[in-house]
Amino acid sequence: MAVTSPDKDLFAVVSVTVEHWYEQSNDYNYRTGKPKSPTALISAFTALIWKGTTKLGIGISTAKDGKVYIVFHFAPVGNTDGDFKTNVLSPNGNIVRLLL
C-alpha cells in the first residue's frame, strides 16, 4: 500500500491504514464467515483480527517522492480457507482501539 503523508508522521499513517482496513468489517458476515457480497473486500480486516495470528511485524519506508510504504507481516499467517468462522470472531461489544 502506498500513501502520501505531508507531515511524515509515520505512526499516524500506520494508524490510518489499520483503521481503513478495519472498516472492511462492515462487509464481513460473521454467521457465514464470508463477505456479505461477492465484490466485498475483507482480507485486510480478517488478517488484522485473525485469532490464530500471534505476531505482527510492521515495516515502514518513505520513498524519495514522499510516498510512504507500509508492509504488515502476520505470523502465523491467517486467512486460510475453511478457518474463517473459528478465527474471525463476532465482536462482543467491547471495542479495542490500537494505540500506535
PDB file of N, CA and C in Angstrom:
ATOM      1  N   MET A   1       0.852  -1.163   0.000  1.00  0.00           N
ATOM      2  CA  MET A   1       0.000   0.000   0.000  1.00  0.00           C
ATOM      3  C   MET A   1       0.900   1.228   0.000  1.00  0.00           C
ATOM      4  N   ALA A   2       0.610   2.188  -0.826  1.00  0.00           N
ATOM      5  CA  ALA A   2       1.376   3.428  -0.889  1.00  0.00           C
ATOM      6  C   ALA A   2       0.449   4.603  -0.603  1.00  0.00           C
ATOM      7  N   VAL A   3       0.865   5.452   0.315  1.00  0.00           N
ATOM      8  CA  VAL A   3       0.099   6.655   0.644  1.00  0.00           C
ATOM      9  C   VAL A   3       1.059   7.819   0.732  1.00  0.00           C
ATOM     10  N   THR A   4       0.545   9.020   0.603  1.00  0.00           N
ATOM     11  CA  THR A   4       1.376  10.201   0.751  1.00  0.00           C
ATOM     12  C   THR A   4       1.027  10.861   2.077  1.00  0.00           C
ATOM     13  N   SER A   5       2.018  11.184   2.852  1.00  0.00           N
ATOM     14  CA  SER A   5       1.820  11.802   4.155  1.00  0.00           C
ATOM     15  C   SER A   5       2.584  13.112   4.210  1.00  0.00           C
ATOM     16  N   PRO A   6       1.881  14.239   4.106  1.00  0.00           N
ATOM     17  CA  PRO A   6       2.588  15.523   4.094  1.00  0.00           C
ATOM     18  C   PRO A   6       3.397  15.785   5.360  1.00  0.00           C
ATOM     19  N   ASP A   7       2.901  15.341   6.509  1.00  0.00           N
ATOM     20  CA  ASP A   7       3.615  15.617   7.755  1.00  0.00           C
ATOM     21  C   ASP A   7       4.617  14.532   8.112  1.00  0.00           C
ATOM     22  N   LYS A   8       4.666  13.483   7.334  1.00  0.00           N
ATOM     23  CA  LYS A   8       5.624  12.387   7.530  1.00  0.00           C
ATOM     24  C   LYS A   8       5.505  11.728   8.904  1.00  0.00           C
ATOM     25  N   ASP A   9       4.347  11.851   9.524  1.00  0.00           N
ATOM     26  CA  ASP A   9       4.127  11.193  10.802  1.00  0.00           C
ATOM     27  C   ASP A   9       3.796   9.729  10.520  1.00  0.00           C
ATOM     28  N   LEU A  10       4.809   8.889  10.518  1.00  0.00           N
ATOM     29  CA  LEU A  10       4.646   7.506  10.095  1.00  0.00           C
ATOM     30  C   LEU A  10       3.703   6.708  10.990  1.00  0.00           C
ATOM     31  N   PHE A  11       3.715   6.969  12.266  1.00  0.00           N
ATOM     32  CA  PHE A  11       2.802   6.251  13.148  1.00  0.00           C
ATOM     33  C   PHE A  11       1.354   6.620  12.851  1.00  0.00           C
ATOM     34  N   ALA A  12       1.112   7.866  12.507  1.00  0.00           N
ATOM     35  CA  ALA A  12      -0.241   8.280  12.129  1.00  0.00           C
ATOM     36  C   ALA A  12      -0.665   7.595  10.835  1.00  0.00           C
ATOM     37  N   VAL A  13       0.259   7.443   9.908  1.00  0.00           N
ATOM     38  CA  VAL A  13      -0.042   6.768   8.641  1.00  0.00           C
ATOM     39  C   VAL A  13      -0.415   5.312   8.905  1.00  0.00           C
ATOM     40  N   VAL A  14       0.324   4.639   9.773  1.00  0.00           N
ATOM     41  CA  VAL A  14       0.013   3.251  10.111  1.00  0.00           C
ATOM     42  C   VAL A  14      -1.360   3.181  10.776  1.00  0.00           C
ATOM     43  N   SER A  15      -1.638   4.081  11.687  1.00  0.00           N
ATOM     44  CA  SER A  15      -2.918   4.097  12.382  1.00  0.00           C
ATOM     45  C   SER A  15      -4.083   4.274  11.413  1.00  0.00           C
ATOM     46  N   VAL A  16      -3.949   5.193  10.483  1.00  0.00           N
ATOM     47  CA  VAL A  16      -4.993   5.425   9.485  1.00  0.00           C
ATOM     48  C   VAL A  16      -5.165   4.188   8.604  1.00  0.00           C
ATOM     49  N   THR A  17      -4.072   3.551   8.247  1.00  0.00           N
ATOM     50  CA  THR A  17      -4.131   2.334   7.431  1.00  0.00           C
ATOM     51  C   THR A  17      -4.890   1.234   8.158  1.00  0.00           C
ATOM     52  N   VAL A  18      -4.571   1.020   9.423  1.00  0.00           N
ATOM     53  CA  VAL A  18      -5.253  -0.014  10.208  1.00  0.00           C
ATOM     54  C   VAL A  18      -6.731   0.308  10.333  1.00  0.00           C
ATOM     55  N   GLU A  19      -7.066   1.554  10.591  1.00  0.00           N
ATOM     56  CA  GLU A  19      -8.479   1.943  10.688  1.00  0.00           C
ATOM     57  C   GLU A  19      -9.203   1.709   9.363  1.00  0.00           C
ATOM     58  N   HIS A  20      -8.545   2.028   8.258  1.00  0.00           N
ATOM     59  CA  HIS A  20      -9.135   1.815   6.936  1.00  0.00           C
ATOM     60  C   HIS A  20      -9.386   0.317   6.698  1.00  0.00           C
ATOM     61  N   TRP A  21      -8.427  -0.500   7.030  1.00  0.00           N
ATOM     62  CA  TRP A  21      -8.589  -1.942   6.859  1.00  0.00           C
ATOM     63  C   TRP A  21      -9.703  -2.469   7.754  1.00  0.00           C
ATOM     64  N   TYR A  22      -9.780  -1.948   8.982  1.00  0.00           N
ATOM     65  CA  TYR A  22     -10.809  -2.433   9.917  1.00  0.00           C
ATOM     66  C   TYR A  22     -12.213  -2.104   9.419  1.00  0.00           C
ATOM     67  N   GLU A  23     -12.350  -1.062   8.632  1.00  0.00           N
ATOM     68  CA  GLU A  23     -13.660  -0.698   8.071  1.00  0.00           C
ATOM     69  C   GLU A  23     -14.227  -1.814   7.194  1.00  0.00           C
ATOM     70  N   GLN A  24     -13.383  -2.702   6.723  1.00  0.00           N
ATOM     71  CA  GLN A  24     -13.874  -3.839   5.939  1.00  0.00           C
ATOM     72  C   GLN A  24     -14.763  -4.754   6.772  1.00  0.00           C
ATOM     73  N   SER A  25     -14.740  -4.609   8.095  1.00  0.00           N
ATOM     74  CA  SER A  25     -15.597  -5.430   8.957  1.00  0.00           C
ATOM     75  C   SER A  25     -17.070  -5.229   8.622  1.00  0.00           C
ATOM     76  N   ASN A  26     -17.413  -4.072   8.081  1.00  0.00           N
ATOM     77  CA  ASN A  26     -18.799  -3.812   7.689  1.00  0.00           C
ATOM     78  C   ASN A  26     -19.257  -4.734   6.567  1.00  0.00           C
ATOM     79  N   ASP A  27     -18.316  -5.306   5.823  1.00  0.00           N
ATOM     80  CA  ASP A  27     -18.644  -6.187   4.703  1.00  0.00           C
ATOM     81  C   ASP A  27     -18.467  -7.665   5.028  1.00  0.00           C
ATOM     82  N   TYR A  28     -18.167  -7.978   6.296  1.00  0.00           N
ATOM     83  CA  TYR A  28     -17.929  -9.367   6.701  1.00  0.00           C
ATOM     84  C   TYR A  28     -19.182  -9.943   7.353  1.00  0.00           C
ATOM     85  N   ASN A  29     -19.560 -11.145   6.962  1.00  0.00           N
ATOM     86  CA  ASN A  29     -20.701 -11.835   7.541  1.00  0.00           C
ATOM     87  C   ASN A  29     -20.174 -12.850   8.561  1.00  0.00           C
ATOM     88  N   TYR A  30     -20.328 -12.547   9.847  1.00  0.00           N
ATOM     89  CA  TYR A  30     -19.797 -13.411  10.898  1.00  0.00           C
ATOM     90  C   TYR A  30     -20.501 -14.768  10.930  1.00  0.00           C
ATOM     91  N   ARG A  31     -21.757 -14.813  10.526  1.00  0.00           N
ATOM     92  CA  ARG A  31     -22.521 -16.057  10.548  1.00  0.00           C
ATOM     93  C   ARG A  31     -21.997 -17.056   9.513  1.00  0.00           C
ATOM     94  N   THR A  32     -21.685 -16.547   8.298  1.00  0.00           N
ATOM     95  CA  THR A  32     -21.225 -17.432   7.225  1.00  0.00           C
ATOM     96  C   THR A  32     -19.708 -17.520   7.123  1.00  0.00           C
ATOM     97  N   GLY A  33     -19.006 -16.534   7.666  1.00  0.00           N
ATOM     98  CA  GLY A  33     -17.544 -16.496   7.530  1.00  0.00           C
ATOM     99  C   GLY A  33     -17.105 -16.064   6.149  1.00  0.00           C
ATOM    100  N   LYS A  34     -17.959 -15.307   5.465  1.00  0.00           N
ATOM    101  CA  LYS A  34     -17.673 -14.871   4.097  1.00  0.00           C
ATOM    102  C   LYS A  34     -18.062 -13.401   3.923  1.00  0.00           C
ATOM    103  N   PRO A  35     -17.647 -12.802   2.821  1.00  0.00           N
ATOM    104  CA  PRO A  35     -18.076 -11.422   2.549  1.00  0.00           C
ATOM    105  C   PRO A  35     -19.585 -11.359   2.372  1.00  0.00           C
ATOM    106  N   LYS A  36     -20.156 -10.203   2.688  1.00  0.00           N
ATOM    107  CA  LYS A  36     -21.595 -10.012   2.523  1.00  0.00           C
ATOM    108  C   LYS A  36     -22.007  -9.955   1.054  1.00  0.00           C
ATOM    109  N   SER A  37     -21.081  -9.596   0.185  1.00  0.00           N
ATOM    110  CA  SER A  37     -21.371  -9.575  -1.248  1.00  0.00           C
ATOM    111  C   SER A  37     -20.152 -10.115  -1.998  1.00  0.00           C
ATOM    112  N   PRO A  38     -20.342 -10.565  -3.235  1.00  0.00           N
ATOM    113  CA  PRO A  38     -19.220 -11.138  -3.997  1.00  0.00           C
ATOM    114  C   PRO A  38     -18.093 -10.147  -4.285  1.00  0.00           C
ATOM    115  N   THR A  39     -18.389  -8.864  -4.275  1.00  0.00           N
ATOM    116  CA  THR A  39     -17.355  -7.871  -4.593  1.00  0.00           C
ATOM    117  C   THR A  39     -16.737  -7.230  -3.351  1.00  0.00           C
ATOM    118  N   ALA A  40     -17.218  -7.608  -2.176  1.00  0.00           N
ATOM    119  CA  ALA A  40     -16.719  -7.007  -0.933  1.00  0.00           C
ATOM    120  C   ALA A  40     -15.296  -7.474  -0.630  1.00  0.00           C
ATOM    121  N   LEU A  41     -14.468  -6.552  -0.169  1.00  0.00           N
ATOM    122  CA  LEU A  41     -13.100  -6.862   0.237  1.00  0.00           C
ATOM    123  C   LEU A  41     -13.058  -7.009   1.751  1.00  0.00           C
ATOM    124  N   ILE A  42     -12.540  -8.127   2.229  1.00  0.00           N
ATOM    125  CA  ILE A  42     -12.488  -8.366   3.675  1.00  0.00           C
ATOM    126  C   ILE A  42     -11.134  -8.868   4.156  1.00  0.00           C
ATOM    127  N   SER A  43     -10.209  -9.179   3.243  1.00  0.00           N
ATOM    128  CA  SER A  43      -8.975  -9.873   3.639  1.00  0.00           C
ATOM    129  C   SER A  43      -8.071  -9.054   4.559  1.00  0.00           C
ATOM    130  N   ALA A  44      -8.030  -7.743   4.402  1.00  0.00           N
ATOM    131  CA  ALA A  44      -7.199  -6.944   5.303  1.00  0.00           C
ATOM    132  C   ALA A  44      -7.789  -6.958   6.711  1.00  0.00           C
ATOM    133  N   PHE A  45      -9.111  -6.806   6.799  1.00  0.00           N
ATOM    134  CA  PHE A  45      -9.786  -6.849   8.106  1.00  0.00           C
ATOM    135  C   PHE A  45      -9.578  -8.198   8.785  1.00  0.00           C
ATOM    136  N   THR A  46      -9.823  -9.285   8.056  1.00  0.00           N
ATOM    137  CA  THR A  46      -9.713 -10.597   8.685  1.00  0.00           C
ATOM    138  C   THR A  46      -8.276 -10.915   9.098  1.00  0.00           C
ATOM    139  N   ALA A  47      -7.309 -10.433   8.330  1.00  0.00           N
ATOM    140  CA  ALA A  47      -5.908 -10.634   8.727  1.00  0.00           C
ATOM    141  C   ALA A  47      -5.604  -9.891  10.030  1.00  0.00           C
ATOM    142  N   LEU A  48      -6.161  -8.691  10.184  1.00  0.00           N
ATOM    143  CA  LEU A  48      -5.912  -7.898  11.390  1.00  0.00           C
ATOM    144  C   LEU A  48      -6.405  -8.581  12.659  1.00  0.00           C
ATOM    145  N   ILE A  49      -7.549  -9.250  12.576  1.00  0.00           N
ATOM    146  CA  ILE A  49      -8.132  -9.798  13.800  1.00  0.00           C
ATOM    147  C   ILE A  49      -8.075 -11.320  13.876  1.00  0.00           C
ATOM    148  N   TRP A  50      -7.355 -11.948  12.972  1.00  0.00           N
ATOM    149  CA  TRP A  50      -7.271 -13.412  12.917  1.00  0.00           C
ATOM    150  C   TRP A  50      -6.812 -13.961  14.261  1.00  0.00           C
ATOM    151  N   LYS A  51      -7.648 -14.766  14.888  1.00  0.00           N
ATOM    152  CA  LYS A  51      -7.378 -15.290  16.237  1.00  0.00           C
ATOM    153  C   LYS A  51      -6.068 -16.066  16.322  1.00  0.00           C
ATOM    154  N   GLY A  52      -5.762 -16.852  15.289  1.00  0.00           N
ATOM    155  CA  GLY A  52      -4.559 -17.683  15.320  1.00  0.00           C
ATOM    156  C   GLY A  52      -3.258 -16.943  15.092  1.00  0.00           C
ATOM    157  N   THR A  53      -3.336 -15.681  14.679  1.00  0.00           N
ATOM    158  CA  THR A  53      -2.123 -14.886  14.483  1.00  0.00           C
ATOM    159  C   THR A  53      -1.679 -14.332  15.829  1.00  0.00           C
ATOM    160  N   THR A  54      -0.429 -14.569  16.168  1.00  0.00           N
ATOM    161  CA  THR A  54       0.076 -14.128  17.473  1.00  0.00           C
ATOM    162  C   THR A  54       1.197 -13.101  17.375  1.00  0.00           C
ATOM    163  N   LYS A  55       1.724 -12.893  16.167  1.00  0.00           N
ATOM    164  CA  LYS A  55       2.822 -11.934  15.995  1.00  0.00           C
ATOM    165  C   LYS A  55       2.537 -11.037  14.796  1.00  0.00           C
ATOM    166  N   LEU A  56       2.959  -9.792  14.915  1.00  0.00           N
ATOM    167  CA  LEU A  56       2.786  -8.830  13.839  1.00  0.00           C
ATOM    168  C   LEU A  56       4.062  -8.016  13.694  1.00  0.00           C
ATOM    169  N   GLY A  57       4.557  -7.949  12.478  1.00  0.00           N
ATOM    170  CA  GLY A  57       5.699  -7.092  12.171  1.00  0.00           C
ATOM    171  C   GLY A  57       5.256  -6.018  11.201  1.00  0.00           C
ATOM    172  N   ILE A  58       5.734  -4.794  11.390  1.00  0.00           N
ATOM    173  CA  ILE A  58       5.379  -3.690  10.515  1.00  0.00           C
ATOM    174  C   ILE A  58       6.657  -3.025  10.034  1.00  0.00           C
ATOM    175  N   GLY A  59       6.777  -2.898   8.716  1.00  0.00           N
ATOM    176  CA  GLY A  59       7.903  -2.185   8.117  1.00  0.00           C
ATOM    177  C   GLY A  59       7.388  -0.931   7.435  1.00  0.00           C
ATOM    178  N   ILE A  60       8.103   0.175   7.595  1.00  0.00           N
ATOM    179  CA  ILE A  60       7.686   1.453   7.024  1.00  0.00           C
ATOM    180  C   ILE A  60       8.881   2.082   6.317  1.00  0.00           C
ATOM    181  N   SER A  61       8.617   2.624   5.134  1.00  0.00           N
ATOM    182  CA  SER A  61       9.670   3.305   4.395  1.00  0.00           C
ATOM    183  C   SER A  61       9.067   4.471   3.626  1.00  0.00           C
ATOM    184  N   THR A  62       9.828   5.551   3.516  1.00  0.00           N
ATOM    185  CA  THR A  62       9.398   6.711   2.744  1.00  0.00           C
ATOM    186  C   THR A  62      10.267   6.825   1.500  1.00  0.00           C
ATOM    187  N   ALA A  63       9.626   6.860   0.340  1.00  0.00           N
ATOM    188  CA  ALA A  63      10.342   6.983  -0.932  1.00  0.00           C
ATOM    189  C   ALA A  63      10.737   8.437  -1.180  1.00  0.00           C
ATOM    190  N   LYS A  64      11.622   8.636  -2.133  1.00  0.00           N
ATOM    191  CA  LYS A  64      12.070   9.992  -2.460  1.00  0.00           C
ATOM    192  C   LYS A  64      10.931  10.901  -2.901  1.00  0.00           C
ATOM    193  N   ASP A  65       9.890  10.304  -3.505  1.00  0.00           N
ATOM    194  CA  ASP A  65       8.756  11.110  -3.966  1.00  0.00           C
ATOM    195  C   ASP A  65       7.756  11.408  -2.846  1.00  0.00           C
ATOM    196  N   GLY A  66       8.044  10.971  -1.615  1.00  0.00           N
ATOM    197  CA  GLY A  66       7.200  11.271  -0.470  1.00  0.00           C
ATOM    198  C   GLY A  66       6.172  10.201  -0.147  1.00  0.00           C
ATOM    199  N   LYS A  67       6.045   9.200  -0.997  1.00  0.00           N
ATOM    200  CA  LYS A  67       5.101   8.129  -0.709  1.00  0.00           C
ATOM    201  C   LYS A  67       5.634   7.279   0.438  1.00  0.00           C
ATOM    202  N   VAL A  68       4.705   6.867   1.295  1.00  0.00           N
ATOM    203  CA  VAL A  68       5.050   6.029   2.429  1.00  0.00           C
ATOM    204  C   VAL A  68       4.572   4.616   2.129  1.00  0.00           C
ATOM    205  N   TYR A  69       5.487   3.651   2.248  1.00  0.00           N
ATOM    206  CA  TYR A  69       5.149   2.250   2.005  1.00  0.00           C
ATOM    207  C   TYR A  69       5.121   1.516   3.336  1.00  0.00           C
ATOM    208  N   ILE A  70       4.057   0.767   3.536  1.00  0.00           N
ATOM    209  CA  ILE A  70       3.863   0.033   4.784  1.00  0.00           C
ATOM    210  C   ILE A  70       3.685  -1.441   4.452  1.00  0.00           C
ATOM    211  N   VAL A  71       4.418  -2.299   5.172  1.00  0.00           N
ATOM    212  CA  VAL A  71       4.301  -3.739   4.997  1.00  0.00           C
ATOM    213  C   VAL A  71       3.941  -4.343   6.347  1.00  0.00           C
ATOM    214  N   PHE A  72       2.906  -5.167   6.351  1.00  0.00           N
ATOM    215  CA  PHE A  72       2.498  -5.893   7.554  1.00  0.00           C
ATOM    216  C   PHE A  72       2.824  -7.369   7.336  1.00  0.00           C
ATOM    217  N   HIS A  73       3.433  -7.983   8.347  1.00  0.00           N
ATOM    218  CA  HIS A  73       3.733  -9.422   8.282  1.00  0.00           C
ATOM    219  C   HIS A  73       3.065 -10.083   9.484  1.00  0.00           C
ATOM    220  N   PHE A  74       2.153 -11.003   9.189  1.00  0.00           N
ATOM    221  CA  PHE A  74       1.407 -11.690  10.229  1.00  0.00           C
ATOM    222  C   PHE A  74       1.941 -13.112  10.378  1.00  0.00           C
ATOM    223  N   ALA A  75       2.108 -13.549  11.641  1.00  0.00           N
ATOM    224  CA  ALA A  75       2.577 -14.917  11.878  1.00  0.00           C
ATOM    225  C   ALA A  75       1.853 -15.497  13.092  1.00  0.00           C
ATOM    226  N   PRO A  76       1.453 -16.727  13.015  1.00  0.00           N
ATOM    227  CA  PRO A  76       1.294 -17.489  11.799  1.00  0.00           C
ATOM    228  C   PRO A  76       0.316 -16.793  10.839  1.00  0.00           C
ATOM    229  N   VAL A  77       0.494 -17.079   9.566  1.00  0.00           N
ATOM    230  CA  VAL A  77      -0.344 -16.470   8.535  1.00  0.00           C
ATOM    231  C   VAL A  77      -1.795 -16.893   8.734  1.00  0.00           C
ATOM    232  N   GLY A  78      -2.699 -15.962   8.558  1.00  0.00           N
ATOM    233  CA  GLY A  78      -4.130 -16.249   8.669  1.00  0.00           C
ATOM    234  C   GLY A  78      -4.790 -16.302   7.305  1.00  0.00           C
ATOM    235  N   ASN A  79      -6.078 -16.029   7.303  1.00  0.00           N
ATOM    236  CA  ASN A  79      -6.890 -16.018   6.077  1.00  0.00           C
ATOM    237  C   ASN A  79      -6.809 -17.339   5.318  1.00  0.00           C
ATOM    238  N   THR A  80      -6.851 -18.448   6.057  1.00  0.00           N
ATOM    239  CA  THR A  80      -6.815 -19.749   5.403  1.00  0.00           C
ATOM    240  C   THR A  80      -8.247 -20.250   5.179  1.00  0.00           C
ATOM    241  N   ASP A  81      -8.493 -20.758   3.980  1.00  0.00           N
ATOM    242  CA  ASP A  81      -9.830 -21.235   3.620  1.00  0.00           C
ATOM    243  C   ASP A  81     -10.338 -22.254   4.629  1.00  0.00           C
ATOM    244  N   GLY A  82     -11.602 -22.117   4.970  1.00  0.00           N
ATOM    245  CA  GLY A  82     -12.234 -23.044   5.892  1.00  0.00           C
ATOM    246  C   GLY A  82     -12.053 -22.702   7.356  1.00  0.00           C
ATOM    247  N   ASP A  83     -11.229 -21.714   7.664  1.00  0.00           N
ATOM    248  CA  ASP A  83     -10.942 -21.385   9.069  1.00  0.00           C
ATOM    249  C   ASP A  83     -11.492 -20.027   9.511  1.00  0.00           C
ATOM    250  N   PHE A  84     -12.244 -19.360   8.675  1.00  0.00           N
ATOM    251  CA  PHE A  84     -12.695 -18.010   9.000  1.00  0.00           C
ATOM    252  C   PHE A  84     -13.630 -17.971  10.206  1.00  0.00           C
ATOM    253  N   LYS A  85     -14.588 -18.880  10.291  1.00  0.00           N
ATOM    254  CA  LYS A  85     -15.561 -18.830  11.388  1.00  0.00           C
ATOM    255  C   LYS A  85     -14.921 -19.065  12.749  1.00  0.00           C
ATOM    256  N   THR A  86     -13.811 -19.795  12.797  1.00  0.00           N
ATOM    257  CA  THR A  86     -13.151 -20.050  14.081  1.00  0.00           C
ATOM    258  C   THR A  86     -12.067 -19.026  14.401  1.00  0.00           C
ATOM    259  N   ASN A  87     -11.682 -18.205  13.436  1.00  0.00           N
ATOM    260  CA  ASN A  87     -10.606 -17.230  13.663  1.00  0.00           C
ATOM    261  C   ASN A  87     -11.031 -15.773  13.554  1.00  0.00           C
ATOM    262  N   VAL A  88     -12.197 -15.511  12.976  1.00  0.00           N
ATOM    263  CA  VAL A  88     -12.728 -14.149  12.893  1.00  0.00           C
ATOM    264  C   VAL A  88     -13.993 -14.140  13.733  1.00  0.00           C
ATOM    265  N   LEU A  89     -13.824 -13.748  14.980  1.00  0.00           N
ATOM    266  CA  LEU A  89     -14.914 -13.851  15.947  1.00  0.00           C
ATOM    267  C   LEU A  89     -15.779 -12.597  15.937  1.00  0.00           C
ATOM    268  N   SER A  90     -17.053 -12.809  16.204  1.00  0.00           N
ATOM    269  CA  SER A  90     -18.012 -11.710  16.250  1.00  0.00           C
ATOM    270  C   SER A  90     -17.664 -10.773  17.398  1.00  0.00           C
ATOM    271  N   PRO A  91     -17.772  -9.460  17.170  1.00  0.00           N
ATOM    272  CA  PRO A  91     -17.484  -8.526  18.263  1.00  0.00           C
ATOM    273  C   PRO A  91     -18.477  -8.726  19.405  1.00  0.00           C
ATOM    274  N   ASN A  92     -17.994  -8.553  20.626  1.00  0.00           N
ATOM    275  CA  ASN A  92     -18.857  -8.750  21.790  1.00  0.00           C
ATOM    276  C   ASN A  92     -19.292  -7.433  22.420  1.00  0.00           C
ATOM    277  N   GLY A  93     -19.104  -6.344  21.699  1.00  0.00           N
ATOM    278  CA  GLY A  93     -19.498  -5.041  22.225  1.00  0.00           C
ATOM    279  C   GLY A  93     -18.328  -4.266  22.785  1.00  0.00           C
ATOM    280  N   ASN A  94     -17.214  -4.931  23.073  1.00  0.00           N
ATOM    281  CA  ASN A  94     -16.030  -4.249  23.575  1.00  0.00           C
ATOM    282  C   ASN A  94     -15.106  -3.941  22.404  1.00  0.00           C
ATOM    283  N   ILE A  95     -14.875  -2.679  22.151  1.00  0.00           N
ATOM    284  CA  ILE A  95     -14.016  -2.278  21.055  1.00  0.00           C
ATOM    285  C   ILE A  95     -12.621  -2.042  21.614  1.00  0.00           C
ATOM    286  N   VAL A  96     -11.648  -2.690  21.027  1.00  0.00           N
ATOM    287  CA  VAL A  96     -10.258  -2.479  21.409  1.00  0.00           C
ATOM    288  C   VAL A  96      -9.646  -1.586  20.344  1.00  0.00           C
ATOM    289  N   ARG A  97      -9.130  -0.448  20.743  1.00  0.00           N
ATOM    290  CA  ARG A  97      -8.545   0.501  19.796  1.00  0.00           C
ATOM    291  C   ARG A  97      -7.030   0.356  19.821  1.00  0.00           C
ATOM    292  N   LEU A  98      -6.451   0.268  18.639  1.00  0.00           N
ATOM    293  CA  LEU A  98      -4.998   0.181  18.540  1.00  0.00           C
ATOM    294  C   LEU A  98      -4.387   1.547  18.795  1.00  0.00           C
ATOM    295  N   LEU A  99      -3.478   1.613  19.721  1.00  0.00           N
ATOM    296  CA  LEU A  99      -2.778   2.853  20.008  1.00  0.00           C
ATOM    297  C   LEU A  99      -1.360   2.701  19.514  1.00  0.00           C
ATOM    298  N   LEU A 100      -1.031   3.462  18.492  1.00  0.00           N
ATOM    299  CA  LEU A 100       0.313   3.377  17.916  1.00  0.00           C
ATOM    300  C   LEU A 100       1.126   4.572  18.319  1.00  0.00           C
TER     301      LEU A 100
END
